[in-house]
Amino acid sequence: MNNISYLFRSIRGKILLSFFIFIIIPITTILYNFYMSSGDVVSIELQRTTQDALHQAAQSMDDVTERVLKASNLIINDPEFVEFLESDEDWQTSYQALRRFNSIQQKLTNVRDILLGSEAVIVVLDDRGFVHSTASGPNEQSKQAQLLNSIRGEGWFSSTKEQKGWPFWQYPYNGTIRQLAGGSEPYFALSRWIGSSQSEGSDLLFIGIPAASFLGGKEGLSTNGVSSFLLTDNEGHLLGGSSPLPPEETELLLHEYKAEEKGAQVRDYVVNSEPIPRLGWNVIQLVPQKQLWVELSGLRNKSILWLFGWFLLFTVVFIYFMIRFTHPLHHLARSMNRLGEGDFHSYVNVQGEDEIAVLGKNYNRMLGRLQQLISHLSEEQRRREEARFQALQAQINPHFLFNTLNSIKWMAMLSGAQHVSQMITKLGKLLQYTMKVEREVVSLDSELTHLEVYLDLQKIRFHDNVDIRWSVPPELRSCAILKFALQPIVENSIIHGQRTPLLIEISAAATEETLTVTVSDNGAGISEDKLRELRADLKQDHARYSGIGIHNVNERIKMHYGSDYGIEMNSNTEEGTVVTLKLPRLESCEPEPASFPAVEEGGRPNDPSPDS
């Protein structure tokens, strides 16, 4: 359960979940809809395609019908041809009549070749007992009369007579004229009466087209792929075509079908029809539904399998590259977890220049800086503890000295040594100020008061050869300063000034953010080499404490307030030295200090405890 929860929290799990929701589910839905609707789509498309093919077939038949009709009109409306048929001249005895006969034969041939094709046949039955044809035939009149009688005995002859000059269409024709022309397939034929004698039914025109030319192929209307075509007349009688069913079932199917119901399903077949306008016939198409669905299902299943296979392959490739691309990120996350557990050496191996590589480099850089920071903090903590220990150690001796000096002071008072008592009192105040280690930051006023007591002792020591000048604005006396920040500097001026009398000036100035305290003297100054050495020492980080000298003060300032603050030294030989303390301007929260017990005339004050 935890592994599953982690999977959905990890970046890989989120990518996989997003891939599943936004890619796999939509594509699966699309494939399912495609699978369910592809059969209908393909069926509709096939239906449209077969309907177009059916329409083209019917249009082709109608075009052939139009050409046949035009050929018949050219012949029966030709005045020379009508005159030839009505003439009583014998072309076998009259040269003029023979020329006219040859002209008529040539016209029949020209009409056939131009409009119908060389395989068509045109036959004219002359009421004088002759048969004029584009096909070869008997020349003897007795044989032509026999041929004419044979043609007149066929059923279409009387049907043509009943049309009274209107075209009579028939298919298939396999009679005497086809045999005369030597045709090997049935004819699509037109027959009609000619000229002014048509009321008597004397002369007749017959035009025959091979079935292949009429139906659009050598085999005529036959099976086309999964479809079958049938040709019916205006009464629904089957004229030709190829049916996949036995004749009885074909007749029953045609009986159940209505021509106006395109796309109707009769039994297991989808039936379509297209009319041939000039004939009034219909071309009917039969599409076997089961066979169509079997073939469509095979194609559909094959397509779905291919799509699914490619989709599965792409999914595997995507997951592979996703794992490969997120591996550095996963490794980085594990390194960060180890870092959180305290392993500060959990670096990551960075490869490439992409965003993850940049993140890894920055992580390694951050880890290095963190190690440096921890090292600095450890060193600073060690130095703080060392300084605290030194301060505690330094506090022990002043306690003993303070109590001892307090006893000596009263012995001097009882002995009448007044100025000795005053010196001991001042020294006691110094020791009392030193023992107040609970606060490291004091007010500038407290530090100046302590410095004044210290200088009073130094004046006694040096016989008043040390002169002090103060220039500190009252509003700055409440500012915060580190304890013992000024005494080491003043002591350094007294010891190394090497000039009497020695003048020490102490001044203070401030801005909104900075407090500057300057201690200057008129001593012998410092040489350039020594000054350069001292400045270098002041710039060193984490210089070791050595008592409470200038280096100590500088280091304490930097530890408390940062590297932007500290001590600056300037000096010129024989002109003196200037030491400047730069501190942040802060207000001190120091309480009012307890004073060292003073001696009053005629009595002994209460002796405070040094631990109070």
Foldseek 3Di string as FASTA:
>chain_A
DVVVVVLCVDPLSVVVVCCCVVPVVVVVVVLVVCLVCVLVVVVVVVLVVVVVVQQVLLVLLLLLVVLVVVLVCVQQVDPLNQVLLVDPDDVVPDVVNVVSVVVSLVSNCVSCCPRPNPLKKKWKQRLVQAIRIVFDDDPDSVVSNVLSVQVCPDPVLVVQLVVLFDKDWAPFADGDVCVRRVDPAGWTKIKHAHDPCSPVSRMMMMMTHGQCSNQVHPVRQEDDVQKWKFKAALVQHTRDTYDPDDPVVVSVQSVPDDQVDQQDDDDQWGKHWDANVVRNMIMIMTGGNVVSVVVSSVVSVVVSVVVVVVVVVVVVVVSVVSCVVCVLVVLVVVLVVVVVVPPLPSQGDADDDDPSSVVSVVVVVVSVVVVVVVVVVVLVVVQVVVVVVVLVVVLVVLQVVLVVLVVVLVVCVVVVVVVSNVLSQLVSQLSLLSNPPPDFKDFQLVQVVNLVSVVVNVCVVVVNFEAEAEAEDPVRRQWIDTHLLCNQVVVCCVVQLQDTSKYWYWHWDDDQWKIKIKIKIQGQWDDPVVLVVVVVLLLDAPDHDDDSHQSNSQNVQCVVANPVWGWDKDIDGSGIIMIMGMHTGHGDPDDDDDHQDDDDPPDGDDHDRSVD
